[in-house]
Amino acid sequence: AEMKAAEAAAPPKRKSKSDPASVPPLERCAAILATLRKRKDADWFAEPVPADTPGYLEMIKSPMDYGTISAALEAGSYADAEAFAADVRLVASNAVAYSPELDNDCNKAARANLAAFEAAFLKQGLATDGGEAAKAATAAAKPATRKRKSAA
């Protein structure tokens, strides 16, 4: 019984690792987002893309960023973990749509962040697809093996 008391007093991060289900889903989402925001390549997604970015708002109809997601989490705007996940995925899909070149730094960062997100979402017991999105995102984040330019 003593060990259980010590575990309960541990910071939420440690507790969620041993039993994610003991932490409410949206708290798990907040922890995932906090981890994503600490990534070195997350600067691209920290706040809204500036309105004066050429062609961005014409191409991207539903802009999204980690700061906006964080504010929505704090405000209780998400009905469930899936709604949160949809916005995190939107950040990545917007970045890839605006910067489609696989060697583009923002594109690479978007794919890497999405892979990290999907893996964490699965690990936290929030994924409802048995890990399919995590597998797909991990595969998509790998460096391109096809080199179009070398095929002369």
N, C-alpha and C. Protein backbone atom coordinates (compact mmCIF):
# COMPACT_ATOMS: atom_id res chain seq x y z
N ALA A 1 0.83 -1.20 0.00
CA ALA A 1 0.00 0.00 0.00
C ALA A 1 0.87 1.25 0.00
N GLU A 2 2.03 1.18 0.65
CA GLU A 2 2.90 2.34 0.68
C GLU A 2 3.35 2.75 -0.72
N MET A 3 3.64 1.76 -1.57
CA MET A 3 4.10 2.07 -2.92
C MET A 3 3.01 2.78 -3.72
N LYS A 4 1.76 2.34 -3.54
CA LYS A 4 0.65 2.99 -4.25
C LYS A 4 0.53 4.45 -3.85
N ALA A 5 0.70 4.76 -2.57
CA ALA A 5 0.60 6.13 -2.11
C ALA A 5 1.72 6.98 -2.73
N ALA A 6 2.90 6.41 -2.79
CA ALA A 6 4.03 7.14 -3.38
C ALA A 6 3.78 7.38 -4.87
N GLU A 7 3.20 6.38 -5.52
CA GLU A 7 2.91 6.51 -6.95
C GLU A 7 1.87 7.59 -7.19
N ALA A 8 0.86 7.64 -6.31
CA ALA A 8 -0.20 8.64 -6.45
C ALA A 8 0.34 10.05 -6.25
N ALA A 9 1.37 10.19 -5.42
CA ALA A 9 1.94 11.50 -5.16
C ALA A 9 2.93 11.93 -6.26
N ALA A 10 3.30 10.99 -7.11
CA ALA A 10 4.25 11.30 -8.18
C ALA A 10 3.63 12.29 -9.16
N PRO A 11 4.46 13.04 -9.87
CA PRO A 11 3.91 13.98 -10.86
C PRO A 11 3.09 13.22 -11.91
N PRO A 12 2.09 13.87 -12.47
CA PRO A 12 1.19 13.22 -13.44
C PRO A 12 1.93 12.53 -14.58
N LYS A 13 3.05 13.09 -15.01
CA LYS A 13 3.79 12.49 -16.13
C LYS A 13 4.17 11.05 -15.81
N ARG A 14 4.72 10.83 -14.62
CA ARG A 14 5.14 9.48 -14.24
C ARG A 14 3.93 8.56 -14.13
N LYS A 15 2.86 9.08 -13.52
CA LYS A 15 1.64 8.30 -13.33
C LYS A 15 1.08 7.84 -14.69
N SER A 16 1.07 8.73 -15.66
CA SER A 16 0.48 8.39 -16.96
C SER A 16 1.29 7.32 -17.67
N LYS A 17 2.60 7.27 -17.40
CA LYS A 17 3.41 6.24 -18.05
C LYS A 17 3.03 4.86 -17.55
N SER A 18 2.76 4.74 -16.24
CA SER A 18 2.44 3.43 -15.70
C SER A 18 1.01 3.01 -16.07
N ASP A 19 0.08 3.97 -16.06
CA ASP A 19 -1.29 3.64 -16.40
C ASP A 19 -1.99 4.84 -17.04
N PRO A 20 -1.85 4.96 -18.37
CA PRO A 20 -2.44 6.11 -19.05
C PRO A 20 -3.93 6.25 -18.77
N ALA A 21 -4.63 5.14 -18.61
CA ALA A 21 -6.08 5.20 -18.44
C ALA A 21 -6.50 5.91 -17.15
N SER A 22 -5.56 6.07 -16.20
CA SER A 22 -5.91 6.74 -14.95
C SER A 22 -5.95 8.25 -15.11
N VAL A 23 -5.48 8.76 -16.23
CA VAL A 23 -5.47 10.20 -16.49
C VAL A 23 -6.55 10.50 -17.53
N PRO A 24 -7.38 11.54 -17.29
CA PRO A 24 -8.43 11.86 -18.27
C PRO A 24 -7.86 12.09 -19.67
N PRO A 25 -8.58 11.65 -20.70
CA PRO A 25 -8.07 11.74 -22.08
C PRO A 25 -7.55 13.12 -22.49
N LEU A 26 -8.28 14.18 -22.16
CA LEU A 26 -7.82 15.49 -22.60
C LEU A 26 -6.59 15.96 -21.83
N GLU A 27 -6.38 15.44 -20.62
CA GLU A 27 -5.12 15.72 -19.91
C GLU A 27 -3.97 15.01 -20.62
N ARG A 28 -4.24 13.80 -21.10
CA ARG A 28 -3.22 13.08 -21.86
C ARG A 28 -2.91 13.84 -23.14
N CYS A 29 -3.93 14.42 -23.76
CA CYS A 29 -3.74 15.22 -24.98
C CYS A 29 -2.85 16.43 -24.67
N ALA A 30 -3.10 17.08 -23.55
CA ALA A 30 -2.30 18.26 -23.17
C ALA A 30 -0.84 17.86 -22.97
N ALA A 31 -0.61 16.69 -22.38
CA ALA A 31 0.76 16.21 -22.17
C ALA A 31 1.43 15.91 -23.52
N ILE A 32 0.69 15.33 -24.44
CA ILE A 32 1.23 15.04 -25.78
C ILE A 32 1.61 16.36 -26.46
N LEU A 33 0.72 17.35 -26.39
CA LEU A 33 0.98 18.63 -27.04
C LEU A 33 2.21 19.31 -26.42
N ALA A 34 2.32 19.24 -25.10
CA ALA A 34 3.48 19.84 -24.42
C ALA A 34 4.77 19.21 -24.92
N THR A 35 4.75 17.90 -25.11
CA THR A 35 5.93 17.19 -25.62
C THR A 35 6.23 17.62 -27.05
N LEU A 36 5.20 17.73 -27.88
CA LEU A 36 5.40 18.16 -29.26
C LEU A 36 6.01 19.56 -29.30
N ARG A 37 5.50 20.46 -28.46
CA ARG A 37 5.95 21.85 -28.48
C ARG A 37 7.41 21.99 -28.08
N LYS A 38 7.95 21.00 -27.36
CA LYS A 38 9.36 21.05 -26.93
C LYS A 38 10.31 20.58 -28.02
N ARG A 39 9.78 19.97 -29.08
CA ARG A 39 10.64 19.47 -30.16
C ARG A 39 11.39 20.62 -30.82
N LYS A 40 12.65 20.35 -31.22
CA LYS A 40 13.45 21.38 -31.89
C LYS A 40 12.81 21.82 -33.21
N ASP A 41 12.12 20.89 -33.86
CA ASP A 41 11.54 21.21 -35.18
C ASP A 41 10.08 21.68 -35.08
N ALA A 42 9.61 22.01 -33.87
CA ALA A 42 8.22 22.43 -33.70
C ALA A 42 8.02 23.94 -33.86
N ASP A 43 9.12 24.68 -34.00
CA ASP A 43 8.99 26.14 -34.12
C ASP A 43 8.07 26.54 -35.27
N TRP A 44 8.10 25.76 -36.34
CA TRP A 44 7.25 26.03 -37.50
C TRP A 44 5.78 26.13 -37.10
N PHE A 45 5.39 25.38 -36.07
CA PHE A 45 3.97 25.18 -35.76
C PHE A 45 3.53 25.83 -34.45
N ALA A 46 4.45 26.62 -33.83
CA ALA A 46 4.19 27.18 -32.51
C ALA A 46 3.03 28.18 -32.49
N GLU A 47 2.93 28.98 -33.53
CA GLU A 47 1.87 29.98 -33.58
C GLU A 47 1.33 30.10 -35.00
N PRO A 48 0.23 30.86 -35.18
CA PRO A 48 -0.35 30.95 -36.53
C PRO A 48 0.66 31.43 -37.58
N VAL A 49 0.54 30.88 -38.78
CA VAL A 49 1.37 31.33 -39.90
C VAL A 49 1.00 32.80 -40.13
N PRO A 50 2.00 33.68 -40.27
CA PRO A 50 1.69 35.10 -40.48
C PRO A 50 0.75 35.32 -41.67
N ALA A 51 -0.20 36.22 -41.48
CA ALA A 51 -1.22 36.48 -42.51
C ALA A 51 -0.60 36.97 -43.82
N ASP A 52 0.61 37.55 -43.76
CA ASP A 52 1.23 38.07 -44.97
C ASP A 52 2.11 37.03 -45.68
N THR A 53 2.05 35.77 -45.26
CA THR A 53 2.80 34.71 -45.94
C THR A 53 2.17 34.51 -47.32
N PRO A 54 2.96 34.70 -48.39
CA PRO A 54 2.42 34.67 -49.75
C PRO A 54 1.58 33.43 -50.06
N GLY A 55 0.33 33.64 -50.41
CA GLY A 55 -0.55 32.56 -50.87
C GLY A 55 -1.05 31.62 -49.79
N TYR A 56 -0.58 31.79 -48.53
CA TYR A 56 -0.93 30.80 -47.50
C TYR A 56 -2.43 30.75 -47.24
N LEU A 57 -3.02 31.90 -46.98
CA LEU A 57 -4.45 31.89 -46.61
C LEU A 57 -5.36 31.59 -47.80
N GLU A 58 -4.84 31.76 -49.02
CA GLU A 58 -5.61 31.36 -50.20
C GLU A 58 -5.61 29.83 -50.34
N MET A 59 -4.47 29.22 -50.00
CA MET A 59 -4.33 27.78 -50.16
C MET A 59 -4.86 27.00 -48.96
N ILE A 60 -4.62 27.52 -47.77
CA ILE A 60 -4.98 26.82 -46.53
C ILE A 60 -6.24 27.42 -45.95
N LYS A 61 -7.33 26.68 -46.04
CA LYS A 61 -8.64 27.20 -45.63
C LYS A 61 -8.88 27.13 -44.13
N SER A 62 -8.21 26.21 -43.44
CA SER A 62 -8.40 26.07 -41.99
C SER A 62 -7.04 26.08 -41.29
N PRO A 63 -6.45 27.27 -41.13
CA PRO A 63 -5.14 27.33 -40.47
C PRO A 63 -5.21 26.78 -39.05
N MET A 64 -4.13 26.16 -38.60
CA MET A 64 -4.09 25.60 -37.24
C MET A 64 -2.64 25.58 -36.79
N ASP A 65 -2.41 25.73 -35.48
CA ASP A 65 -1.07 25.73 -34.92
C ASP A 65 -1.14 25.24 -33.47
N TYR A 66 0.04 24.91 -32.91
CA TYR A 66 0.08 24.35 -31.56
C TYR A 66 -0.40 25.34 -30.50
N GLY A 67 -0.14 26.64 -30.69
CA GLY A 67 -0.59 27.64 -29.73
C GLY A 67 -2.10 27.71 -29.67
N THR A 68 -2.74 27.67 -30.84
CA THR A 68 -4.20 27.70 -30.92
C THR A 68 -4.78 26.44 -30.28
N ILE A 69 -4.15 25.30 -30.53
CA ILE A 69 -4.62 24.03 -29.95
C ILE A 69 -4.49 24.08 -28.43
N SER A 70 -3.38 24.61 -27.95
CA SER A 70 -3.14 24.71 -26.51
C SER A 70 -4.21 25.58 -25.85
N ALA A 71 -4.52 26.71 -26.48
CA ALA A 71 -5.55 27.61 -25.94
C ALA A 71 -6.91 26.92 -25.93
N ALA A 72 -7.20 26.17 -26.99
CA ALA A 72 -8.48 25.45 -27.07
C ALA A 72 -8.58 24.38 -25.98
N LEU A 73 -7.46 23.69 -25.73
CA LEU A 73 -7.44 22.68 -24.65
C LEU A 73 -7.72 23.35 -23.31
N GLU A 74 -7.01 24.47 -23.05
CA GLU A 74 -7.18 25.18 -21.78
C GLU A 74 -8.60 25.70 -21.62
N ALA A 75 -9.22 26.09 -22.72
CA ALA A 75 -10.58 26.65 -22.67
C ALA A 75 -11.65 25.55 -22.61
N GLY A 76 -11.22 24.29 -22.74
CA GLY A 76 -12.19 23.20 -22.73
C GLY A 76 -13.00 23.11 -24.02
N SER A 77 -12.41 23.56 -25.11
CA SER A 77 -13.12 23.61 -26.40
C SER A 77 -13.24 22.27 -27.11
N TYR A 78 -12.41 21.30 -26.72
CA TYR A 78 -12.46 20.01 -27.40
C TYR A 78 -13.42 19.06 -26.68
N ALA A 79 -14.31 18.46 -27.46
CA ALA A 79 -15.27 17.51 -26.90
C ALA A 79 -14.57 16.23 -26.46
N ASP A 80 -13.54 15.84 -27.20
CA ASP A 80 -12.85 14.58 -26.90
C ASP A 80 -11.47 14.57 -27.54
N ALA A 81 -10.74 13.48 -27.30
CA ALA A 81 -9.37 13.34 -27.80
C ALA A 81 -9.34 13.35 -29.33
N GLU A 82 -10.37 12.81 -29.96
CA GLU A 82 -10.39 12.78 -31.43
C GLU A 82 -10.45 14.19 -32.02
N ALA A 83 -11.21 15.09 -31.39
CA ALA A 83 -11.30 16.47 -31.87
C ALA A 83 -9.93 17.15 -31.76
N PHE A 84 -9.25 16.89 -30.65
CA PHE A 84 -7.89 17.40 -30.46
C PHE A 84 -6.96 16.83 -31.54
N ALA A 85 -7.04 15.53 -31.76
CA ALA A 85 -6.18 14.87 -32.74
C ALA A 85 -6.41 15.44 -34.14
N ALA A 86 -7.66 15.74 -34.46
CA ALA A 86 -7.97 16.29 -35.78
C ALA A 86 -7.22 17.60 -36.01
N ASP A 87 -7.14 18.44 -34.97
CA ASP A 87 -6.43 19.71 -35.11
C ASP A 87 -4.91 19.51 -35.21
N VAL A 88 -4.35 18.57 -34.44
CA VAL A 88 -2.91 18.30 -34.55
C VAL A 88 -2.60 17.80 -35.95
N ARG A 89 -3.44 16.92 -36.46
CA ARG A 89 -3.24 16.39 -37.83
C ARG A 89 -3.39 17.48 -38.87
N LEU A 90 -4.28 18.43 -38.60
CA LEU A 90 -4.50 19.56 -39.51
C LEU A 90 -3.23 20.42 -39.62
N VAL A 91 -2.53 20.62 -38.51
CA VAL A 91 -1.28 21.37 -38.52
C VAL A 91 -0.33 20.74 -39.54
N ALA A 92 -0.17 19.42 -39.45
CA ALA A 92 0.75 18.71 -40.35
C ALA A 92 0.26 18.73 -41.79
N SER A 93 -1.02 18.47 -42.01
CA SER A 93 -1.51 18.42 -43.39
C SER A 93 -1.45 19.80 -44.05
N ASN A 94 -1.68 20.86 -43.28
CA ASN A 94 -1.55 22.22 -43.84
C ASN A 94 -0.12 22.49 -44.26
N ALA A 95 0.84 22.12 -43.41
CA ALA A 95 2.25 22.37 -43.71
C ALA A 95 2.69 21.62 -44.95
N VAL A 96 2.26 20.37 -45.07
CA VAL A 96 2.63 19.54 -46.23
C VAL A 96 1.94 20.06 -47.50
N ALA A 97 0.70 20.53 -47.35
CA ALA A 97 -0.01 21.08 -48.51
C ALA A 97 0.66 22.35 -49.02
N TYR A 98 1.08 23.22 -48.10
CA TYR A 98 1.69 24.49 -48.49
C TYR A 98 3.13 24.30 -48.96
N SER A 99 3.83 23.33 -48.40
CA SER A 99 5.23 23.06 -48.75
C SER A 99 5.36 21.59 -49.15
N PRO A 100 4.88 21.23 -50.34
CA PRO A 100 4.79 19.81 -50.71
C PRO A 100 6.12 19.11 -51.01
N GLU A 101 7.20 19.86 -51.19
CA GLU A 101 8.47 19.24 -51.53
C GLU A 101 8.98 18.44 -50.34
N LEU A 102 9.29 17.16 -50.56
CA LEU A 102 9.72 16.28 -49.47
C LEU A 102 11.00 16.74 -48.78
N ASP A 103 11.85 17.49 -49.50
CA ASP A 103 13.10 17.95 -48.88
C ASP A 103 12.95 19.33 -48.24
N ASN A 104 11.75 19.89 -48.27
CA ASN A 104 11.49 21.17 -47.63
C ASN A 104 11.53 21.00 -46.11
N ASP A 105 12.23 21.91 -45.42
CA ASP A 105 12.41 21.77 -43.96
C ASP A 105 11.09 21.75 -43.20
N CYS A 106 10.15 22.58 -43.61
CA CYS A 106 8.85 22.61 -42.93
C CYS A 106 8.08 21.31 -43.18
N ASN A 107 8.16 20.80 -44.41
CA ASN A 107 7.51 19.54 -44.75
C ASN A 107 8.10 18.41 -43.90
N LYS A 108 9.43 18.35 -43.82
CA LYS A 108 10.09 17.32 -43.02
C LYS A 108 9.66 17.41 -41.56
N ALA A 109 9.64 18.65 -41.03
CA ALA A 109 9.26 18.87 -39.64
C ALA A 109 7.80 18.44 -39.42
N ALA A 110 6.94 18.74 -40.37
CA ALA A 110 5.52 18.38 -40.24
C ALA A 110 5.36 16.87 -40.18
N ARG A 111 6.06 16.16 -41.07
CA ARG A 111 5.95 14.70 -41.08
C ARG A 111 6.54 14.09 -39.81
N ALA A 112 7.65 14.64 -39.33
CA ALA A 112 8.27 14.14 -38.10
C ALA A 112 7.38 14.41 -36.88
N ASN A 113 6.80 15.61 -36.83
CA ASN A 113 5.91 15.95 -35.72
C ASN A 113 4.67 15.07 -35.73
N LEU A 114 4.12 14.82 -36.92
CA LEU A 114 2.94 13.97 -37.02
C LEU A 114 3.26 12.55 -36.55
N ALA A 115 4.42 12.05 -36.95
CA ALA A 115 4.82 10.70 -36.53
C ALA A 115 4.96 10.64 -35.01
N ALA A 116 5.57 11.67 -34.42
CA ALA A 116 5.73 11.71 -32.97
C ALA A 116 4.37 11.79 -32.30
N PHE A 117 3.47 12.60 -32.85
CA PHE A 117 2.13 12.72 -32.30
C PHE A 117 1.39 11.39 -32.36
N GLU A 118 1.36 10.76 -33.52
CA GLU A 118 0.59 9.51 -33.67
C GLU A 118 1.13 8.43 -32.75
N ALA A 119 2.45 8.37 -32.59
CA ALA A 119 3.05 7.37 -31.69
C ALA A 119 2.62 7.64 -30.25
N ALA A 120 2.65 8.91 -29.84
CA ALA A 120 2.28 9.27 -28.47
C ALA A 120 0.78 9.05 -28.25
N PHE A 121 -0.02 9.38 -29.25
CA PHE A 121 -1.48 9.22 -29.16
C PHE A 121 -1.82 7.74 -28.96
N LEU A 122 -1.10 6.88 -29.68
CA LEU A 122 -1.28 5.44 -29.54
C LEU A 122 -0.81 4.97 -28.16
N LYS A 123 0.38 5.42 -27.77
CA LYS A 123 0.97 5.01 -26.50
C LYS A 123 0.10 5.42 -25.31
N GLN A 124 -0.57 6.55 -25.45
CA GLN A 124 -1.43 7.06 -24.37
C GLN A 124 -2.80 6.36 -24.37
N GLY A 125 -2.99 5.41 -25.27
CA GLY A 125 -4.24 4.67 -25.28
C GLY A 125 -5.40 5.46 -25.87
N LEU A 126 -5.10 6.45 -26.71
CA LEU A 126 -6.15 7.31 -27.26
C LEU A 126 -6.51 6.95 -28.70
N ALA A 127 -5.61 6.25 -29.38
CA ALA A 127 -5.87 5.90 -30.79
C ALA A 127 -6.96 4.84 -30.86
N THR A 128 -7.83 4.99 -31.84
CA THR A 128 -8.94 4.03 -31.99
C THR A 128 -8.76 3.18 -33.24
N ASP A 129 -7.58 3.29 -33.87
CA ASP A 129 -7.36 2.57 -35.13
C ASP A 129 -6.37 1.43 -35.00
N GLY A 130 -6.04 1.06 -33.76
CA GLY A 130 -5.10 -0.03 -33.56
C GLY A 130 -3.68 0.29 -33.99
N GLY A 131 -3.38 1.57 -34.13
CA GLY A 131 -2.01 1.97 -34.47
C GLY A 131 -1.75 2.19 -35.95
N GLU A 132 -2.78 2.12 -36.78
CA GLU A 132 -2.59 2.30 -38.22
C GLU A 132 -2.05 3.69 -38.55
N ALA A 133 -2.62 4.73 -37.93
CA ALA A 133 -2.16 6.11 -38.21
C ALA A 133 -0.71 6.27 -37.79
N ALA A 134 -0.34 5.68 -36.66
CA ALA A 134 1.04 5.79 -36.17
C ALA A 134 2.00 5.12 -37.16
N LYS A 135 1.62 3.94 -37.67
CA LYS A 135 2.46 3.24 -38.65
C LYS A 135 2.61 4.07 -39.92
N ALA A 136 1.49 4.59 -40.41
CA ALA A 136 1.51 5.36 -41.66
C ALA A 136 2.34 6.64 -41.50
N ALA A 137 2.18 7.32 -40.37
CA ALA A 137 2.90 8.57 -40.14
C ALA A 137 4.40 8.30 -39.99
N THR A 138 4.75 7.21 -39.33
CA THR A 138 6.16 6.85 -39.17
C THR A 138 6.78 6.57 -40.53
N ALA A 139 6.06 5.83 -41.36
CA ALA A 139 6.55 5.54 -42.71
C ALA A 139 6.70 6.82 -43.53
N ALA A 140 5.72 7.71 -43.42
CA ALA A 140 5.74 8.96 -44.19
C ALA A 140 6.85 9.90 -43.73
N ALA A 141 7.27 9.77 -42.47
CA ALA A 141 8.31 10.65 -41.94
C ALA A 141 9.71 10.23 -42.34
N LYS A 142 9.85 8.99 -42.82
CA LYS A 142 11.17 8.51 -43.22
C LYS A 142 11.63 9.31 -44.44
N PRO A 143 12.95 9.52 -44.55
CA PRO A 143 13.45 10.26 -45.71
C PRO A 143 13.04 9.56 -47.01
N ALA A 144 12.78 10.36 -48.00
CA ALA A 144 12.36 9.80 -49.29
C ALA A 144 13.46 8.91 -49.85
N THR A 145 13.08 7.72 -50.28
CA THR A 145 14.08 6.81 -50.85
C THR A 145 14.14 6.98 -52.36
N ARG A 146 13.05 7.44 -52.95
CA ARG A 146 13.05 7.69 -54.40
C ARG A 146 13.76 9.00 -54.67
N LYS A 147 14.77 8.96 -55.48
CA LYS A 147 15.45 10.18 -55.86
C LYS A 147 15.10 10.47 -57.31
N ARG A 148 14.17 11.39 -57.49
CA ARG A 148 13.70 11.68 -58.84
C ARG A 148 14.77 12.31 -59.70
N LYS A 149 15.60 13.15 -59.10
CA LYS A 149 16.59 13.88 -59.89
C LYS A 149 17.66 12.98 -60.49
N SER A 150 18.02 11.89 -59.79
CA SER A 150 19.10 11.03 -60.26
C SER A 150 18.67 10.17 -61.46
N ALA A 151 17.39 10.02 -61.68
CA ALA A 151 16.92 9.24 -62.83
C ALA A 151 16.95 10.14 -64.06
N ALA A 152 18.13 10.24 -64.66
CA ALA A 152 18.29 11.16 -65.80
C ALA A 152 17.84 10.50 -67.09
